[in-house]
Amino acid sequence: MPMVKGERVAILLCTFNGERYLPRQLDSILAQDHKDWVIYVSDDGSTDGTLSILQSYQQRLESGRLVILQGPRAGYAANFMSLLHQRADGDHYYAFCDQDDCWDPDKLSRALAWMRLQPADVPALYCGRTRLMNNDEQTIGYSPLFGREPSFRNALTQSLAGGNTMLINASGHALMARTPPGVRVQSHDWWAYLLVTACGGRVHYDSKPSLGYRQHGENLIGSNAGMRDRLARLWHMLEGNYREWNDANLALLQPFDASLTPENRLVLALFKGMRGTGFFKRLSSLVRGGFYRQTLAGNVGMVVAVALRRF
């Protein structure tokens, strides 16, 4: 596939003790049909052979194609955010990358096909489904298929897609890079979805998977595909964990108030009202705000959680 000038992708790869699966992921990046990319790796203190693997690939590639950095050692979300801050400018697009996935050869080119249609000065985020695979790279399922439109009303209630599926443009990166360094981000992918939609950006959810998401016991974040995962999410919501996560997201949004669209300022005010003290005010704000999750079960759980003040 011919390369379009001005489409360099910064692949933001975070690693931690990933020697078992990392070579396969790196090979899948090298096999991309879009060739204009640079891999920036933030290693979070690996004690296995991860760094040796990275250095061997670094020697194989042209100078500057794979850059190794030290992570903050504060968890996966902080590691990804540190990479965003370190890559302040100079690249056209940014792709989050996990150490144990396997990208389809057209993962980047498919995302770029949509990105080319977006105004450069508007934050834009591409994301989508994942194909679940076992350690033999056999397909064992898919992440949930979401059919409702991405929006700020949805982003306030849930994360839409995994960071490993995401590509953001330079405007989206500049927006995320304004996140104060060192603040706690619950989930870098949820934060990307929330912030881009809040500030009037564009989000595209691709129903066709472009990567294999490896399922194994060392995964930090699950696939959210099975009944057990869905019940776990409902339990977290009713237990009050979502309320804590929403508290954190609202605190993150506060410095960006001036960048929110006028409509989204009103939406945010209703969301805060939905989490207030009065029972009828909470339900009224829920209805007036038009907040929604992507599934019927998720919406039912949200209504119950709001009624019980657990959201």
Foldseek 3Di string as FASTA:
>chain_A
DDEDPQAEEEEEEEDAQLVVAQVQAVVLVPLAPHDRYAYEYEYADHPDCVVVVLVVVCVVDDPRRYHYHYAPNPDDQLRSLVVLLVCQDDHFKYAYAYRHKHFANHLPVVVVVVVVVDDLQAKEKEFEKAFEAEPVRDGDGIFDQFDDAQALLALLQDQDHASNSMMIGSNLSNQSSPQDRPQDQPHNRSLSSNRSRQLPHYYHYDHDHGMYDYDDPVDPDDRCHDPVSVVVVLCCQQVQVVVVNSVSSVVRCVVVVVRGDPVSVVLVVLCVQLLDDDQVSVVVSCVVSVHDYRDPVSRVSVNVSSNVSSD
